[in-house]
């Protein structure tokens, strides 16, 4: 597909077709209603972006490709009805596009910026999203929280966890933890591990990723063994590399699956 000109407008059929065809190149099928909802979200995103800093990507073609096509690239890895948490979502990526295309997902979003949380709440109302929660908090508060990492070994789903840490009820509660370009992979895994359920999946949407970063991440997984979901065996770490349509930007999806 040849690169289009930059004169398209968000929400037009041309803009929507870029998303549909580009996602198709990555093996992702999108319904017309889903792409219509993407347009609603994109308009709201850019409206708010004129007041608060949500995204540096504002040109319509780039928004279509670098936000929406990029966000749905891991869709085939996420099972229907999964409990999904998006850490550091910013303008709602990748969580909101994934929720739109898979309405059965239970979506929780965390972001550290209060103004972004206000936007994410408004976006949920505008899009009429169900089973959707947004929390204002710094995920880094869990960094090095060894008591939390270790306590998940004894979590009883029938009882509230005994912890003074905010959001403690989310420990071990999610089937999928996802984030886009949040932190170096080893740091992200340490932040994501407290939330993943048994047989869960951690997804990191990255740009180009080196073998050095992957090797460091594997060492971290071994080093913080107590944080693994109860009874899990050695997790499987895989990488899917691809290029975004039109822009040819290198992208990677790192998946850590607990078995």
C-alpha atoms as a PDB file:
ATOM      1  CA  UNK A   1       0.000   0.000   0.000  1.00  0.00           C
ATOM      2  CA  UNK A   2       1.482   3.312  -1.054  1.00  0.00           C
ATOM      3  CA  UNK A   3       1.780   6.034   1.520  1.00  0.00           C
ATOM      4  CA  UNK A   4      -1.183   8.415   1.335  1.00  0.00           C
ATOM      5  CA  UNK A   5      -1.019  12.204   1.316  1.00  0.00           C
ATOM      6  CA  UNK A   6      -1.370  14.139   4.534  1.00  0.00           C
ATOM      7  CA  UNK A   7      -4.592  15.927   3.633  1.00  0.00           C
ATOM      8  CA  UNK A   8      -7.027  13.307   4.881  1.00  0.00           C
ATOM      9  CA  UNK A   9      -9.417  14.099   7.711  1.00  0.00           C
ATOM     10  CA  UNK A  10     -10.101  11.960  10.777  1.00  0.00           C
ATOM     11  CA  UNK A  11     -13.377  10.095  10.475  1.00  0.00           C
ATOM     12  CA  UNK A  12     -13.653  10.154   6.681  1.00  0.00           C
ATOM     13  CA  UNK A  13     -14.025   6.921   4.737  1.00  0.00           C
ATOM     14  CA  UNK A  14     -10.469   7.363   3.469  1.00  0.00           C
ATOM     15  CA  UNK A  15      -9.153   7.602   7.039  1.00  0.00           C
ATOM     16  CA  UNK A  16     -11.167   4.582   8.137  1.00  0.00           C
ATOM     17  CA  UNK A  17     -10.023   2.552   5.141  1.00  0.00           C
ATOM     18  CA  UNK A  18      -6.384   3.202   6.078  1.00  0.00           C
ATOM     19  CA  UNK A  19      -7.070   1.587   9.444  1.00  0.00           C
ATOM     20  CA  UNK A  20      -9.069  -1.345   8.061  1.00  0.00           C
ATOM     21  CA  UNK A  21      -6.604  -2.199   5.311  1.00  0.00           C
ATOM     22  CA  UNK A  22      -3.517  -1.558   7.458  1.00  0.00           C
ATOM     23  CA  UNK A  23      -4.831  -3.751  10.265  1.00  0.00           C
ATOM     24  CA  UNK A  24      -5.625  -6.397   7.656  1.00  0.00           C
ATOM     25  CA  UNK A  25      -1.987  -6.417   6.604  1.00  0.00           C
ATOM     26  CA  UNK A  26      -1.150  -7.400  10.178  1.00  0.00           C
ATOM     27  CA  UNK A  27      -3.777 -10.140  10.167  1.00  0.00           C
ATOM     28  CA  UNK A  28      -6.327  -8.173  12.199  1.00  0.00           C
ATOM     29  CA  UNK A  29      -9.912  -7.939  10.941  1.00  0.00           C
ATOM     30  CA  UNK A  30     -11.886  -4.861  12.040  1.00  0.00           C
ATOM     31  CA  UNK A  31     -15.613  -4.323  11.751  1.00  0.00           C
ATOM     32  CA  UNK A  32     -17.004  -1.083  10.334  1.00  0.00           C
ATOM     33  CA  UNK A  33     -18.598  -0.275  13.687  1.00  0.00           C
ATOM     34  CA  UNK A  34     -15.246  -0.659  15.471  1.00  0.00           C
ATOM     35  CA  UNK A  35     -13.503   1.738  13.090  1.00  0.00           C
ATOM     36  CA  UNK A  36     -16.425   4.172  13.442  1.00  0.00           C
ATOM     37  CA  UNK A  37     -15.779   4.126  17.193  1.00  0.00           C
ATOM     38  CA  UNK A  38     -12.073   4.689  16.600  1.00  0.00           C
ATOM     39  CA  UNK A  39     -13.024   7.889  14.789  1.00  0.00           C
ATOM     40  CA  UNK A  40     -15.135   9.037  17.752  1.00  0.00           C
ATOM     41  CA  UNK A  41     -12.235   8.385  20.111  1.00  0.00           C
ATOM     42  CA  UNK A  42      -9.737  10.101  17.793  1.00  0.00           C
ATOM     43  CA  UNK A  43     -11.839  13.267  17.552  1.00  0.00           C
ATOM     44  CA  UNK A  44     -12.207  13.391  21.329  1.00  0.00           C
ATOM     45  CA  UNK A  45      -8.470  12.758  21.732  1.00  0.00           C
ATOM     46  CA  UNK A  46      -7.477  15.678  19.525  1.00  0.00           C
ATOM     47  CA  UNK A  47     -10.096  17.966  21.052  1.00  0.00           C
ATOM     48  CA  UNK A  48      -8.657  17.366  24.517  1.00  0.00           C
ATOM     49  CA  UNK A  49      -5.127  17.460  23.162  1.00  0.00           C
ATOM     50  CA  UNK A  50      -5.588  21.141  22.368  1.00  0.00           C
ATOM     51  CA  UNK A  51      -5.871  21.719  26.135  1.00  0.00           C
ATOM     52  CA  UNK A  52      -3.729  19.022  27.724  1.00  0.00           C
ATOM     53  CA  UNK A  53      -0.797  16.989  26.437  1.00  0.00           C
ATOM     54  CA  UNK A  54      -2.180  13.594  25.441  1.00  0.00           C
ATOM     55  CA  UNK A  55      -0.215  12.834  22.286  1.00  0.00           C
ATOM     56  CA  UNK A  56       2.450  14.326  20.037  1.00  0.00           C
ATOM     57  CA  UNK A  57       0.910  12.454  17.098  1.00  0.00           C
ATOM     58  CA  UNK A  58      -1.821  14.646  15.611  1.00  0.00           C
ATOM     59  CA  UNK A  59      -1.563  14.341  11.817  1.00  0.00           C
ATOM     60  CA  UNK A  60      -4.567  12.208  10.711  1.00  0.00           C
ATOM     61  CA  UNK A  61      -2.589   9.599   8.755  1.00  0.00           C
ATOM     62  CA  UNK A  62      -0.131   9.149  11.624  1.00  0.00           C
ATOM     63  CA  UNK A  63      -3.005   8.920  14.118  1.00  0.00           C
ATOM     64  CA  UNK A  64      -4.592   6.143  12.048  1.00  0.00           C
ATOM     65  CA  UNK A  65      -1.405   4.122  11.723  1.00  0.00           C
ATOM     66  CA  UNK A  66       0.693   4.878  14.799  1.00  0.00           C
ATOM     67  CA  UNK A  67      -2.181   4.884  17.270  1.00  0.00           C
ATOM     68  CA  UNK A  68      -4.990   2.631  16.044  1.00  0.00           C
ATOM     69  CA  UNK A  69      -3.286   0.074  13.804  1.00  0.00           C
ATOM     70  CA  UNK A  70      -0.443  -0.200  16.303  1.00  0.00           C
ATOM     71  CA  UNK A  71      -2.891  -0.645  19.189  1.00  0.00           C
ATOM     72  CA  UNK A  72      -4.777  -3.556  17.631  1.00  0.00           C
ATOM     73  CA  UNK A  73      -1.690  -5.428  16.412  1.00  0.00           C
ATOM     74  CA  UNK A  74      -1.702  -7.834  19.431  1.00  0.00           C
ATOM     75  CA  UNK A  75      -5.458  -8.499  19.238  1.00  0.00           C
ATOM     76  CA  UNK A  76      -5.083 -12.175  18.290  1.00  0.00           C
ATOM     77  CA  UNK A  77      -3.092 -12.807  21.480  1.00  0.00           C
ATOM     78  CA  UNK A  78      -5.874 -11.552  23.764  1.00  0.00           C
ATOM     79  CA  UNK A  79      -8.730 -13.983  24.436  1.00  0.00           C
ATOM     80  CA  UNK A  80     -12.372 -12.821  24.524  1.00  0.00           C
ATOM     81  CA  UNK A  81     -13.695 -11.891  27.969  1.00  0.00           C
ATOM     82  CA  UNK A  82     -10.167 -11.472  29.312  1.00  0.00           C
ATOM     83  CA  UNK A  83      -9.575  -9.183  32.270  1.00  0.00           C
ATOM     84  CA  UNK A  84      -7.168  -6.675  30.732  1.00  0.00           C
ATOM     85  CA  UNK A  85      -5.186  -3.944  32.480  1.00  0.00           C
ATOM     86  CA  UNK A  86      -3.458  -1.205  30.461  1.00  0.00           C
ATOM     87  CA  UNK A  87      -0.652   0.459  32.420  1.00  0.00           C
ATOM     88  CA  UNK A  88       0.267   4.052  31.540  1.00  0.00           C
ATOM     89  CA  UNK A  89      -2.369   4.323  28.829  1.00  0.00           C
ATOM     90  CA  UNK A  90      -2.134   8.085  28.224  1.00  0.00           C
ATOM     91  CA  UNK A  91      -4.678   8.775  25.485  1.00  0.00           C
ATOM     92  CA  UNK A  92      -6.119   5.268  25.801  1.00  0.00           C
ATOM     93  CA  UNK A  93      -3.654   3.195  23.770  1.00  0.00           C
ATOM     94  CA  UNK A  94      -3.721   0.311  23.344  1.00  0.00           C
ATOM     95  CA  UNK A  95      -6.547  -0.425  25.785  1.00  0.00           C
ATOM     96  CA  UNK A  96      -9.443   1.529  24.290  1.00  0.00           C
ATOM     97  CA  UNK A  97      -9.064   0.340  20.674  1.00  0.00           C
ATOM     98  CA  UNK A  98      -8.750  -3.248  21.922  1.00  0.00           C
ATOM     99  CA  UNK A  99     -11.875  -2.820  24.078  1.00  0.00           C
ATOM    100  CA  UNK A 100     -13.776  -1.343  21.129  1.00  0.00           C
ATOM    101  CA  UNK A 101     -12.934  -4.263  18.833  1.00  0.00           C
ATOM    102  CA  UNK A 102     -13.455  -6.815  21.630  1.00  0.00           C
ATOM    103  CA  UNK A 103     -16.370  -5.483  23.742  1.00  0.00           C
ATOM    104  CA  UNK A 104     -16.348  -8.581  25.970  1.00  0.00           C
ATOM    105  CA  UNK A 105     -13.007  -7.518  27.482  1.00  0.00           C
ATOM    106  CA  UNK A 106     -13.029  -6.199  31.032  1.00  0.00           C
ATOM    107  CA  UNK A 107     -10.733  -3.176  30.767  1.00  0.00           C
ATOM    108  CA  UNK A 108      -8.926  -1.411  33.592  1.00  0.00           C
ATOM    109  CA  UNK A 109      -6.630   1.530  32.837  1.00  0.00           C
ATOM    110  CA  UNK A 110      -4.009   3.083  35.119  1.00  0.00           C
ATOM    111  CA  UNK A 111      -2.330   6.416  34.473  1.00  0.00           C
ATOM    112  CA  UNK A 112      -0.241   8.699  36.671  1.00  0.00           C
ATOM    113  CA  UNK A 113      -1.489  12.004  35.201  1.00  0.00           C
ATOM    114  CA  UNK A 114      -4.777  13.250  36.648  1.00  0.00           C
ATOM    115  CA  UNK A 115      -5.681  15.207  33.502  1.00  0.00           C
ATOM    116  CA  UNK A 116      -5.183  12.116  31.359  1.00  0.00           C
ATOM    117  CA  UNK A 117      -7.392  10.156  33.739  1.00  0.00           C
ATOM    118  CA  UNK A 118     -10.090  12.822  33.286  1.00  0.00           C
ATOM    119  CA  UNK A 119      -9.850  12.367  29.524  1.00  0.00           C
ATOM    120  CA  UNK A 120      -9.966   8.574  29.798  1.00  0.00           C
ATOM    121  CA  UNK A 121     -13.111   8.752  31.934  1.00  0.00           C
ATOM    122  CA  UNK A 122     -14.726  11.123  29.437  1.00  0.00           C
ATOM    123  CA  UNK A 123     -13.714   8.871  26.542  1.00  0.00           C
ATOM    124  CA  UNK A 124     -15.368   5.925  28.259  1.00  0.00           C
ATOM    125  CA  UNK A 125     -18.593   7.886  28.645  1.00  0.00           C
ATOM    126  CA  UNK A 126     -18.507   9.152  25.053  1.00  0.00           C
ATOM    127  CA  UNK A 127     -17.925   5.658  23.690  1.00  0.00           C
ATOM    128  CA  UNK A 128     -20.457   4.073  26.102  1.00  0.00           C
ATOM    129  CA  UNK A 129     -17.889   1.513  27.239  1.00  0.00           C
ATOM    130  CA  UNK A 130     -19.107  -1.096  29.711  1.00  0.00           C
ATOM    131  CA  UNK A 131     -16.941  -2.997  32.196  1.00  0.00           C
ATOM    132  CA  UNK A 132     -14.384  -0.185  32.022  1.00  0.00           C
ATOM    133  CA  UNK A 133     -12.469   1.386  34.919  1.00  0.00           C
ATOM    134  CA  UNK A 134      -9.839   4.107  35.114  1.00  0.00           C
ATOM    135  CA  UNK A 135      -7.540   4.723  38.102  1.00  0.00           C
ATOM    136  CA  UNK A 136      -5.250   7.639  38.855  1.00  0.00           C
ATOM    137  CA  UNK A 137      -2.067   6.272  40.396  1.00  0.00           C
ATOM    138  CA  UNK A 138       1.662   5.896  39.861  1.00  0.00           C
ATOM    139  CA  UNK A 139       2.382   2.277  39.104  1.00  0.00           C
ATOM    140  CA  UNK A 140       5.949   2.842  40.295  1.00  0.00           C
ATOM    141  CA  UNK A 141       4.699   2.690  43.877  1.00  0.00           C
ATOM    142  CA  UNK A 142       4.830  -1.082  43.445  1.00  0.00           C
ATOM    143  CA  UNK A 143       8.471  -1.068  42.394  1.00  0.00           C
ATOM    144  CA  UNK A 144      10.583  -3.096  44.839  1.00  0.00           C
ATOM    145  CA  UNK A 145       7.494  -3.876  46.904  1.00  0.00           C
ATOM    146  CA  UNK A 146       8.755  -7.339  47.819  1.00  0.00           C
ATOM    147  CA  UNK A 147       6.006  -7.913  50.339  1.00  0.00           C
ATOM    148  CA  UNK A 148       3.429  -7.515  47.572  1.00  0.00           C
ATOM    149  CA  UNK A 149       5.321  -9.649  45.101  1.00  0.00           C
ATOM    150  CA  UNK A 150       5.664 -12.435  47.621  1.00  0.00           C
ATOM    151  CA  UNK A 151       2.204 -12.131  49.160  1.00  0.00           C
ATOM    152  CA  UNK A 152       0.536 -13.088  45.892  1.00  0.00           C
ATOM    153  CA  UNK A 153       1.718 -16.653  46.523  1.00  0.00           C
ATOM    154  CA  UNK A 154      -0.916 -16.917  49.233  1.00  0.00           C
ATOM    155  CA  UNK A 155      -3.726 -14.877  47.665  1.00  0.00           C
ATOM    156  CA  UNK A 156      -7.135 -16.413  48.247  1.00  0.00           C
ATOM    157  CA  UNK A 157      -9.551 -15.135  45.556  1.00  0.00           C
ATOM    158  CA  UNK A 158     -12.440 -15.547  47.995  1.00  0.00           C
ATOM    159  CA  UNK A 159     -10.919 -13.148  50.527  1.00  0.00           C
ATOM    160  CA  UNK A 160      -9.799  -9.529  50.187  1.00  0.00           C
ATOM    161  CA  UNK A 161      -5.998  -9.293  50.309  1.00  0.00           C
ATOM    162  CA  UNK A 162      -4.612  -7.979  53.574  1.00  0.00           C
ATOM    163  CA  UNK A 163      -2.550  -5.080  52.373  1.00  0.00           C
ATOM    164  CA  UNK A 164      -2.417  -1.368  53.052  1.00  0.00           C
ATOM    165  CA  UNK A 165      -1.244  -0.739  49.501  1.00  0.00           C
ATOM    166  CA  UNK A 166      -3.778   1.067  47.265  1.00  0.00           C
ATOM    167  CA  UNK A 167      -5.276  -1.062  44.502  1.00  0.00           C
ATOM    168  CA  UNK A 168      -4.311  -4.192  46.415  1.00  0.00           C
ATOM    169  CA  UNK A 169      -7.483  -5.963  45.249  1.00  0.00           C
ATOM    170  CA  UNK A 170      -5.929  -6.018  41.763  1.00  0.00           C
ATOM    171  CA  UNK A 171      -3.066  -8.307  42.772  1.00  0.00           C
ATOM    172  CA  UNK A 172      -3.236 -11.427  40.642  1.00  0.00           C
ATOM    173  CA  UNK A 173      -6.540 -10.277  39.141  1.00  0.00           C
ATOM    174  CA  UNK A 174      -5.793  -9.853  35.419  1.00  0.00           C
ATOM    175  CA  UNK A 175      -5.535 -12.313  32.565  1.00  0.00           C
ATOM    176  CA  UNK A 176      -3.563  -9.827  30.453  1.00  0.00           C
ATOM    177  CA  UNK A 177      -1.312  -6.929  31.453  1.00  0.00           C
ATOM    178  CA  UNK A 178      -0.428  -4.647  28.538  1.00  0.00           C
ATOM    179  CA  UNK A 179       1.471  -1.427  27.967  1.00  0.00           C
ATOM    180  CA  UNK A 180       2.925   0.496  25.075  1.00  0.00           C
ATOM    181  CA  UNK A 181       6.466   1.880  25.391  1.00  0.00           C
ATOM    182  CA  UNK A 182       6.142   2.342  29.156  1.00  0.00           C
ATOM    183  CA  UNK A 183       9.664   1.461  30.298  1.00  0.00           C
ATOM    184  CA  UNK A 184      12.628  -0.809  29.526  1.00  0.00           C
ATOM    185  CA  UNK A 185      11.336  -4.366  29.325  1.00  0.00           C
ATOM    186  CA  UNK A 186      12.918  -5.597  32.546  1.00  0.00           C
ATOM    187  CA  UNK A 187      11.420  -2.682  34.529  1.00  0.00           C
ATOM    188  CA  UNK A 188       8.012  -3.166  32.943  1.00  0.00           C
ATOM    189  CA  UNK A 189       7.941  -6.866  33.811  1.00  0.00           C
ATOM    190  CA  UNK A 190       8.703  -6.066  37.441  1.00  0.00           C
ATOM    191  CA  UNK A 191       5.830  -3.575  37.476  1.00  0.00           C
ATOM    192  CA  UNK A 192       3.402  -5.906  35.697  1.00  0.00           C
ATOM    193  CA  UNK A 193       4.032  -9.132  37.616  1.00  0.00           C
ATOM    194  CA  UNK A 194       2.005  -8.318  40.751  1.00  0.00           C
ATOM    195  CA  UNK A 195      -1.170  -8.012  38.676  1.00  0.00           C
ATOM    196  CA  UNK A 196      -1.019 -11.089  36.460  1.00  0.00           C
ATOM    197  CA  UNK A 197      -3.295 -14.043  37.134  1.00  0.00           C
ATOM    198  CA  UNK A 198      -2.319 -17.689  36.969  1.00  0.00           C
ATOM    199  CA  UNK A 199      -1.827 -18.714  33.312  1.00  0.00           C
ATOM    200  CA  UNK A 200      -1.867 -15.010  32.454  1.00  0.00           C
ATOM    201  CA  UNK A 201      -0.103 -13.032  29.759  1.00  0.00           C
ATOM    202  CA  UNK A 202       2.083  -9.916  29.888  1.00  0.00           C
ATOM    203  CA  UNK A 203       2.320  -7.958  26.639  1.00  0.00           C
ATOM    204  CA  UNK A 204       4.789  -5.155  25.921  1.00  0.00           C
ATOM    205  CA  UNK A 205       4.304  -3.129  22.740  1.00  0.00           C
ATOM    206  CA  UNK A 206       7.711  -1.829  21.787  1.00  0.00           C
ATOM    207  CA  UNK A 207       9.606  -0.346  18.870  1.00  0.00           C
ATOM    208  CA  UNK A 208      12.799  -2.061  17.811  1.00  0.00           C
ATOM    209  CA  UNK A 209      14.044  -4.301  20.632  1.00  0.00           C
ATOM    210  CA  UNK A 210      17.557  -5.645  21.057  1.00  0.00           C
ATOM    211  CA  UNK A 211      18.698  -9.098  22.091  1.00  0.00           C
ATOM    212  CA  UNK A 212      20.453  -7.434  25.036  1.00  0.00           C
ATOM    213  CA  UNK A 213      17.156  -6.022  26.358  1.00  0.00           C
ATOM    214  CA  UNK A 214      15.488  -9.405  25.921  1.00  0.00           C
ATOM    215  CA  UNK A 215      18.324 -11.212  27.732  1.00  0.00           C
ATOM    216  CA  UNK A 216      18.097  -8.758  30.637  1.00  0.00           C
ATOM    217  CA  UNK A 217      14.348  -9.314  30.843  1.00  0.00           C
ATOM    218  CA  UNK A 218      14.819 -13.084  30.999  1.00  0.00           C
ATOM    219  CA  UNK A 219      17.301 -12.695  33.861  1.00  0.00           C
ATOM    220  CA  UNK A 220      14.850 -10.464  35.748  1.00  0.00           C
ATOM    221  CA  UNK A 221      12.073 -13.033  35.395  1.00  0.00           C
ATOM    222  CA  UNK A 222      14.316 -15.639  36.969  1.00  0.00           C
ATOM    223  CA  UNK A 223      15.534 -13.297  39.703  1.00  0.00           C
ATOM    224  CA  UNK A 224      12.053 -12.367  40.899  1.00  0.00           C
ATOM    225  CA  UNK A 225      10.667 -15.898  40.893  1.00  0.00           C
ATOM    226  CA  UNK A 226       8.431 -15.232  43.969  1.00  0.00           C
ATOM    227  CA  UNK A 227       6.415 -12.776  41.883  1.00  0.00           C
ATOM    228  CA  UNK A 228       5.298 -15.433  39.402  1.00  0.00           C
ATOM    229  CA  UNK A 229       1.687 -16.588  39.562  1.00  0.00           C
ATOM    230  CA  UNK A 230       1.188 -19.492  41.950  1.00  0.00           C
ATOM    231  CA  UNK A 231       2.260 -22.873  40.549  1.00  0.00           C
ATOM    232  CA  UNK A 232       3.470 -21.374  37.270  1.00  0.00           C
ATOM    233  CA  UNK A 233       6.317 -23.086  35.495  1.00  0.00           C
ATOM    234  CA  UNK A 234       9.073 -21.205  33.690  1.00  0.00           C
ATOM    235  CA  UNK A 235       7.238 -18.548  31.628  1.00  0.00           C
ATOM    236  CA  UNK A 236       7.569 -18.502  27.868  1.00  0.00           C
ATOM    237  CA  UNK A 237       8.951 -15.251  26.407  1.00  0.00           C
ATOM    238  CA  UNK A 238       8.358 -14.701  22.699  1.00  0.00           C
ATOM    239  CA  UNK A 239       8.816 -11.772  20.329  1.00  0.00           C
ATOM    240  CA  UNK A 240       6.784 -10.866  17.263  1.00  0.00           C
ATOM    241  CA  UNK A 241       8.470  -8.315  15.011  1.00  0.00           C
ATOM    242  CA  UNK A 242       6.654  -6.398  12.276  1.00  0.00           C
ATOM    243  CA  UNK A 243       6.522  -3.053  10.502  1.00  0.00           C
ATOM    244  CA  UNK A 244       3.688  -0.555  10.627  1.00  0.00           C
ATOM    245  CA  UNK A 245       1.988  -0.138   7.253  1.00  0.00           C
ATOM    246  CA  UNK A 246       2.807   3.005   5.269  1.00  0.00           C
ATOM    247  CA  UNK A 247       5.392   4.324   7.719  1.00  0.00           C
ATOM    248  CA  UNK A 248       7.424   1.097   7.805  1.00  0.00           C
ATOM    249  CA  UNK A 249       8.303   1.758  11.453  1.00  0.00           C
ATOM    250  CA  UNK A 250       9.817  -1.235  13.256  1.00  0.00           C
ATOM    251  CA  UNK A 251       7.612  -2.642  16.007  1.00  0.00           C
ATOM    252  CA  UNK A 252       7.845  -5.568  18.432  1.00  0.00           C
ATOM    253  CA  UNK A 253       5.312  -7.347  20.606  1.00  0.00           C
ATOM    254  CA  UNK A 254       6.966  -9.088  23.547  1.00  0.00           C
ATOM    255  CA  UNK A 255       4.748 -11.713  25.148  1.00  0.00           C
ATOM    256  CA  UNK A 256       5.439 -13.419  28.465  1.00  0.00           C
ATOM    257  CA  UNK A 257       3.044 -16.315  28.964  1.00  0.00           C
ATOM    258  CA  UNK A 258       2.653 -18.043  32.332  1.00  0.00           C
ATOM    259  CA  UNK A 259       1.682 -21.714  32.004  1.00  0.00           C
END
